[in-house]
N, C-alpha and C. Protein backbone atom coordinates (compact mmCIF):
# COMPACT_ATOMS: atom_id res chain seq x y z
N UNK A 1 -41.84 -71.50 -105.10
CA UNK A 1 -40.44 -71.25 -104.77
C UNK A 1 -40.25 -71.32 -103.26
N UNK A 2 -39.23 -72.00 -102.85
CA UNK A 2 -38.95 -72.19 -101.43
C UNK A 2 -38.46 -70.89 -100.81
N UNK A 3 -38.97 -70.55 -99.62
CA UNK A 3 -38.50 -69.33 -98.95
C UNK A 3 -37.01 -69.41 -98.62
N UNK A 4 -36.37 -68.28 -98.58
CA UNK A 4 -34.96 -68.19 -98.20
C UNK A 4 -34.84 -68.43 -96.70
N UNK A 5 -33.85 -69.21 -96.30
CA UNK A 5 -33.59 -69.49 -94.89
C UNK A 5 -32.22 -68.93 -94.55
N UNK A 6 -32.16 -68.21 -93.45
CA UNK A 6 -30.91 -67.64 -92.97
C UNK A 6 -30.34 -68.50 -91.85
N UNK A 7 -29.04 -68.56 -91.76
CA UNK A 7 -28.40 -69.32 -90.70
C UNK A 7 -26.92 -69.47 -90.92
N UNK A 8 -26.29 -70.13 -90.00
CA UNK A 8 -24.85 -70.34 -90.02
C UNK A 8 -24.57 -71.78 -90.46
N UNK A 9 -23.72 -71.92 -91.48
CA UNK A 9 -23.35 -73.23 -92.01
C UNK A 9 -24.57 -74.07 -92.39
N UNK A 10 -25.49 -73.47 -93.16
CA UNK A 10 -26.70 -74.17 -93.57
C UNK A 10 -26.43 -75.25 -94.60
N UNK A 11 -27.21 -76.33 -94.50
CA UNK A 11 -27.20 -77.32 -95.57
C UNK A 11 -28.52 -77.17 -96.34
N UNK A 12 -28.71 -77.90 -97.42
CA UNK A 12 -29.92 -77.73 -98.23
C UNK A 12 -31.23 -78.03 -97.51
N UNK A 13 -31.18 -78.77 -96.39
CA UNK A 13 -32.41 -79.10 -95.67
C UNK A 13 -32.58 -78.25 -94.40
N UNK A 14 -31.91 -77.14 -94.32
CA UNK A 14 -32.00 -76.12 -93.26
C UNK A 14 -31.31 -76.49 -91.95
N UNK A 15 -30.51 -77.55 -91.95
CA UNK A 15 -29.70 -77.82 -90.76
C UNK A 15 -28.63 -76.74 -90.67
N UNK A 16 -28.24 -76.40 -89.44
CA UNK A 16 -27.26 -75.34 -89.26
C UNK A 16 -26.10 -75.82 -88.39
N UNK A 17 -25.18 -74.94 -88.12
CA UNK A 17 -24.05 -75.28 -87.28
C UNK A 17 -24.43 -75.58 -85.85
N UNK A 18 -25.60 -75.11 -85.42
CA UNK A 18 -26.05 -75.34 -84.05
C UNK A 18 -26.82 -76.65 -83.90
N UNK A 19 -27.67 -76.94 -84.87
CA UNK A 19 -28.53 -78.13 -84.84
C UNK A 19 -28.41 -78.83 -86.19
N UNK A 20 -27.79 -80.00 -86.20
CA UNK A 20 -27.49 -80.64 -87.48
C UNK A 20 -27.66 -82.15 -87.48
N UNK A 21 -28.58 -82.65 -86.64
CA UNK A 21 -28.87 -84.08 -86.71
C UNK A 21 -29.73 -84.35 -87.94
N UNK A 22 -29.91 -85.60 -88.27
CA UNK A 22 -30.74 -85.97 -89.43
C UNK A 22 -32.16 -85.43 -89.29
N UNK A 23 -32.64 -85.22 -88.05
CA UNK A 23 -34.01 -84.78 -87.81
C UNK A 23 -34.18 -83.26 -87.75
N UNK A 24 -33.10 -82.52 -87.76
CA UNK A 24 -33.16 -81.06 -87.62
C UNK A 24 -33.41 -80.40 -88.97
N UNK A 25 -34.63 -80.57 -89.47
CA UNK A 25 -34.94 -80.11 -90.83
C UNK A 25 -36.07 -79.09 -90.89
N UNK A 26 -36.26 -78.33 -89.83
CA UNK A 26 -37.24 -77.25 -89.93
C UNK A 26 -36.54 -75.91 -89.75
N UNK A 27 -37.13 -74.92 -90.34
CA UNK A 27 -36.73 -73.53 -90.13
C UNK A 27 -37.97 -72.80 -89.63
N UNK A 28 -37.74 -71.76 -88.86
CA UNK A 28 -38.86 -71.02 -88.29
C UNK A 28 -38.82 -69.56 -88.73
N UNK A 29 -39.98 -69.10 -89.22
CA UNK A 29 -40.12 -67.68 -89.56
C UNK A 29 -40.22 -66.93 -88.25
N UNK A 30 -39.29 -66.06 -88.01
CA UNK A 30 -39.27 -65.33 -86.75
C UNK A 30 -40.35 -64.25 -86.75
N UNK A 31 -41.11 -64.19 -85.70
CA UNK A 31 -42.21 -63.23 -85.57
C UNK A 31 -41.70 -61.80 -85.70
N UNK A 32 -40.54 -61.53 -85.14
CA UNK A 32 -40.02 -60.17 -85.08
C UNK A 32 -39.68 -59.58 -86.45
N UNK A 33 -39.21 -60.40 -87.37
CA UNK A 33 -38.72 -59.86 -88.64
C UNK A 33 -39.30 -60.53 -89.88
N UNK A 34 -40.06 -61.62 -89.69
CA UNK A 34 -40.67 -62.29 -90.83
C UNK A 34 -39.69 -63.06 -91.70
N UNK A 35 -38.47 -63.27 -91.22
CA UNK A 35 -37.47 -64.03 -91.97
C UNK A 35 -37.35 -65.43 -91.38
N UNK A 36 -37.13 -66.40 -92.27
CA UNK A 36 -36.89 -67.76 -91.81
C UNK A 36 -35.45 -67.89 -91.34
N UNK A 37 -35.29 -68.49 -90.18
CA UNK A 37 -33.96 -68.82 -89.65
C UNK A 37 -33.94 -70.30 -89.30
N UNK A 38 -32.76 -70.89 -89.38
CA UNK A 38 -32.61 -72.30 -89.03
C UNK A 38 -32.88 -72.53 -87.55
N UNK A 39 -32.53 -71.56 -86.71
CA UNK A 39 -32.76 -71.68 -85.26
C UNK A 39 -32.61 -70.32 -84.61
N UNK A 40 -32.97 -70.25 -83.34
CA UNK A 40 -32.88 -68.99 -82.60
C UNK A 40 -31.44 -68.54 -82.44
N UNK A 41 -30.50 -69.50 -82.33
CA UNK A 41 -29.10 -69.13 -82.19
C UNK A 41 -28.58 -68.47 -83.46
N UNK A 42 -29.01 -68.96 -84.60
CA UNK A 42 -28.65 -68.31 -85.86
C UNK A 42 -29.24 -66.90 -85.91
N UNK A 43 -30.50 -66.75 -85.49
CA UNK A 43 -31.13 -65.43 -85.45
C UNK A 43 -30.34 -64.51 -84.53
N UNK A 44 -30.01 -65.00 -83.35
CA UNK A 44 -29.27 -64.17 -82.39
C UNK A 44 -27.92 -63.72 -82.96
N UNK A 45 -27.27 -64.60 -83.72
CA UNK A 45 -25.96 -64.29 -84.27
C UNK A 45 -26.03 -63.34 -85.48
N UNK A 46 -27.10 -63.43 -86.26
CA UNK A 46 -27.15 -62.70 -87.53
C UNK A 46 -28.06 -61.48 -87.55
N UNK A 47 -29.07 -61.46 -86.69
CA UNK A 47 -30.04 -60.34 -86.71
C UNK A 47 -29.57 -59.23 -85.78
N UNK A 48 -30.07 -58.04 -86.03
CA UNK A 48 -29.69 -56.88 -85.21
C UNK A 48 -30.79 -56.49 -84.23
N UNK A 49 -31.60 -57.47 -83.83
CA UNK A 49 -32.71 -57.21 -82.93
C UNK A 49 -33.02 -58.46 -82.11
N UNK A 50 -33.85 -58.29 -81.10
CA UNK A 50 -34.23 -59.38 -80.22
C UNK A 50 -35.37 -60.19 -80.84
N UNK A 51 -35.30 -61.48 -80.67
CA UNK A 51 -36.35 -62.37 -81.17
C UNK A 51 -37.65 -62.17 -80.40
N UNK A 52 -38.77 -62.37 -81.08
CA UNK A 52 -40.09 -62.32 -80.45
C UNK A 52 -40.78 -63.65 -80.68
N UNK A 53 -41.68 -64.02 -79.77
CA UNK A 53 -42.42 -65.27 -79.93
C UNK A 53 -43.74 -65.02 -80.66
N UNK A 54 -44.23 -66.08 -81.32
CA UNK A 54 -45.53 -66.02 -81.98
C UNK A 54 -46.62 -66.12 -80.91
N UNK A 55 -47.49 -65.11 -80.78
CA UNK A 55 -48.59 -65.22 -79.82
C UNK A 55 -49.63 -66.24 -80.28
N UNK A 56 -50.32 -66.83 -79.34
CA UNK A 56 -51.35 -67.83 -79.67
C UNK A 56 -52.35 -67.29 -80.69
N UNK A 57 -52.64 -66.01 -80.61
CA UNK A 57 -53.62 -65.41 -81.52
C UNK A 57 -53.16 -65.42 -82.98
N UNK A 58 -51.89 -65.72 -83.22
CA UNK A 58 -51.36 -65.75 -84.59
C UNK A 58 -50.84 -67.12 -84.98
N UNK A 59 -51.26 -68.16 -84.30
CA UNK A 59 -50.80 -69.50 -84.62
C UNK A 59 -51.37 -70.02 -85.94
N UNK A 60 -52.21 -69.21 -86.61
CA UNK A 60 -52.73 -69.57 -87.92
C UNK A 60 -51.82 -69.07 -89.05
N UNK A 61 -50.72 -68.42 -88.69
CA UNK A 61 -49.79 -67.89 -89.67
C UNK A 61 -48.77 -68.94 -90.10
N UNK A 62 -48.42 -68.93 -91.40
CA UNK A 62 -47.36 -69.81 -91.89
C UNK A 62 -46.05 -69.38 -91.26
N UNK A 63 -45.43 -70.27 -90.49
CA UNK A 63 -44.23 -69.87 -89.76
C UNK A 63 -43.20 -70.99 -89.59
N UNK A 64 -43.45 -72.15 -90.17
CA UNK A 64 -42.51 -73.27 -90.05
C UNK A 64 -42.31 -73.87 -91.44
N UNK A 65 -41.07 -74.12 -91.79
CA UNK A 65 -40.73 -74.64 -93.11
C UNK A 65 -40.09 -76.02 -92.97
N UNK A 66 -40.62 -76.99 -93.69
CA UNK A 66 -40.00 -78.31 -93.75
C UNK A 66 -38.81 -78.22 -94.70
N UNK A 67 -37.63 -78.51 -94.19
CA UNK A 67 -36.43 -78.45 -95.01
C UNK A 67 -36.32 -79.58 -96.00
N UNK A 68 -37.15 -80.60 -95.85
CA UNK A 68 -37.11 -81.72 -96.77
C UNK A 68 -37.91 -81.43 -98.04
N UNK A 69 -39.18 -81.05 -97.87
CA UNK A 69 -40.04 -80.84 -99.05
C UNK A 69 -40.36 -79.38 -99.33
N UNK A 70 -40.08 -78.48 -98.39
CA UNK A 70 -40.36 -77.07 -98.60
C UNK A 70 -41.76 -76.64 -98.22
N UNK A 71 -42.56 -77.54 -97.63
CA UNK A 71 -43.91 -77.18 -97.21
C UNK A 71 -43.86 -76.18 -96.06
N UNK A 72 -44.70 -75.16 -96.15
CA UNK A 72 -44.83 -74.21 -95.04
C UNK A 72 -46.03 -74.63 -94.20
N UNK A 73 -45.84 -74.63 -92.89
CA UNK A 73 -46.89 -75.01 -91.96
C UNK A 73 -47.23 -73.81 -91.08
N UNK A 74 -48.48 -73.75 -90.65
CA UNK A 74 -48.83 -72.77 -89.64
C UNK A 74 -48.23 -73.24 -88.32
N UNK A 75 -48.15 -72.35 -87.37
CA UNK A 75 -47.66 -72.74 -86.04
C UNK A 75 -48.53 -73.87 -85.50
N UNK A 76 -49.85 -73.71 -85.61
CA UNK A 76 -50.77 -74.73 -85.09
C UNK A 76 -50.55 -76.08 -85.78
N UNK A 77 -50.37 -76.08 -87.10
CA UNK A 77 -50.11 -77.33 -87.81
C UNK A 77 -48.82 -77.98 -87.31
N UNK A 78 -47.79 -77.19 -87.16
CA UNK A 78 -46.51 -77.72 -86.69
C UNK A 78 -46.63 -78.30 -85.29
N UNK A 79 -47.27 -77.57 -84.41
CA UNK A 79 -47.38 -78.05 -83.03
C UNK A 79 -48.25 -79.30 -82.93
N UNK A 80 -49.11 -79.53 -83.91
CA UNK A 80 -49.99 -80.69 -83.88
C UNK A 80 -49.60 -81.80 -84.85
N UNK A 81 -48.40 -81.75 -85.41
CA UNK A 81 -48.06 -82.69 -86.49
C UNK A 81 -47.40 -83.98 -86.02
N UNK A 82 -47.29 -84.20 -84.73
CA UNK A 82 -46.69 -85.43 -84.20
C UNK A 82 -45.28 -85.67 -84.73
N UNK A 83 -44.51 -84.59 -84.84
CA UNK A 83 -43.09 -84.66 -85.20
C UNK A 83 -42.81 -85.26 -86.58
N UNK A 84 -43.73 -85.00 -87.51
CA UNK A 84 -43.43 -85.38 -88.90
C UNK A 84 -44.16 -84.43 -89.83
N UNK A 85 -43.57 -84.20 -90.97
CA UNK A 85 -44.14 -83.27 -91.94
C UNK A 85 -45.44 -83.83 -92.49
N UNK A 86 -46.52 -83.05 -92.48
CA UNK A 86 -47.78 -83.51 -93.06
C UNK A 86 -47.71 -83.61 -94.58
N UNK A 87 -46.71 -82.99 -95.19
CA UNK A 87 -46.59 -83.05 -96.64
C UNK A 87 -45.80 -84.24 -97.14
N UNK A 88 -44.64 -84.51 -96.51
CA UNK A 88 -43.76 -85.56 -97.03
C UNK A 88 -43.46 -86.67 -96.01
N UNK A 89 -43.99 -86.53 -94.81
CA UNK A 89 -43.81 -87.50 -93.72
C UNK A 89 -42.38 -87.60 -93.19
N UNK A 90 -41.52 -86.66 -93.57
CA UNK A 90 -40.17 -86.66 -93.00
C UNK A 90 -40.27 -86.40 -91.50
N UNK A 91 -39.49 -87.13 -90.72
CA UNK A 91 -39.54 -86.92 -89.26
C UNK A 91 -38.84 -85.64 -88.84
N UNK A 92 -39.45 -84.96 -87.86
CA UNK A 92 -38.86 -83.78 -87.24
C UNK A 92 -38.30 -84.18 -85.88
N UNK A 93 -37.37 -83.41 -85.39
CA UNK A 93 -36.74 -83.71 -84.11
C UNK A 93 -37.73 -83.49 -82.97
N UNK A 94 -38.10 -84.56 -82.24
CA UNK A 94 -39.05 -84.38 -81.14
C UNK A 94 -38.47 -83.55 -79.98
N UNK A 95 -37.16 -83.45 -79.91
CA UNK A 95 -36.54 -82.64 -78.84
C UNK A 95 -36.72 -81.15 -79.08
N UNK A 96 -37.18 -80.77 -80.26
CA UNK A 96 -37.45 -79.35 -80.52
C UNK A 96 -38.51 -78.81 -79.54
N UNK A 97 -39.33 -79.71 -79.01
CA UNK A 97 -40.34 -79.28 -78.03
C UNK A 97 -39.71 -78.53 -76.88
N UNK A 98 -38.48 -78.88 -76.53
CA UNK A 98 -37.79 -78.22 -75.43
C UNK A 98 -37.49 -76.76 -75.74
N UNK A 99 -37.62 -76.36 -76.99
CA UNK A 99 -37.30 -74.99 -77.41
C UNK A 99 -38.52 -74.19 -77.87
N UNK A 100 -39.69 -74.77 -77.79
CA UNK A 100 -40.88 -74.06 -78.26
C UNK A 100 -41.01 -72.68 -77.63
N UNK A 101 -40.66 -72.55 -76.37
CA UNK A 101 -40.84 -71.27 -75.67
C UNK A 101 -39.98 -70.15 -76.27
N UNK A 102 -38.98 -70.49 -77.05
CA UNK A 102 -38.18 -69.46 -77.73
C UNK A 102 -38.90 -68.90 -78.94
N UNK A 103 -39.87 -69.64 -79.47
CA UNK A 103 -40.54 -69.28 -80.71
C UNK A 103 -42.03 -69.01 -80.58
N UNK A 104 -42.68 -69.75 -79.67
CA UNK A 104 -44.13 -69.72 -79.59
C UNK A 104 -44.56 -69.40 -78.16
N UNK A 105 -45.64 -68.63 -78.04
CA UNK A 105 -46.18 -68.33 -76.72
C UNK A 105 -46.57 -69.66 -76.04
N UNK A 106 -46.15 -69.83 -74.82
CA UNK A 106 -46.46 -71.03 -74.06
C UNK A 106 -47.16 -70.62 -72.76
N UNK A 107 -47.64 -71.62 -72.02
CA UNK A 107 -48.27 -71.32 -70.73
C UNK A 107 -47.31 -70.51 -69.88
N UNK A 108 -47.78 -69.42 -69.36
CA UNK A 108 -46.97 -68.60 -68.48
C UNK A 108 -46.07 -67.61 -69.18
N UNK A 109 -45.94 -67.69 -70.51
CA UNK A 109 -45.09 -66.71 -71.20
C UNK A 109 -45.96 -65.56 -71.68
N UNK A 110 -45.34 -64.44 -71.84
CA UNK A 110 -46.06 -63.27 -72.35
C UNK A 110 -45.67 -63.05 -73.80
N UNK A 111 -46.64 -62.78 -74.61
CA UNK A 111 -46.36 -62.56 -76.04
C UNK A 111 -45.99 -61.11 -76.28
C-alpha cells in the first residue's frame, strides 16, 4: 500500500500547488514528523512544527517516495539515483538538487 502524502492541491503523482511540473513526482518523509509531504512549503503550511533535515547518519532510512510507481527509496538511494526512479525509470526533477539542504544534511549544515 502506498504511503499517504500530505500537501496542497496534490495530484495522484504527488505534485503539489508549489511544484507541479511533469518531473515533480517525489514526496519526502519529513525527519521531524515521519509524514510524507509533497514539499517543504506544503509542510510549512500544514504542519504545526519546524522541519528538520535527515542527518547523514540516517541516510539509510526510507524517506523518498516515487509518485509514479510508489517505490520508497532511502535518502542515499535517492541522492545517488541520477534523477530517475530505480524502480520505474520515471525521471525526477534535477533542479530538486537546489533544495536538498531543506531536507538532507549537507556540507556545512548542522543536523
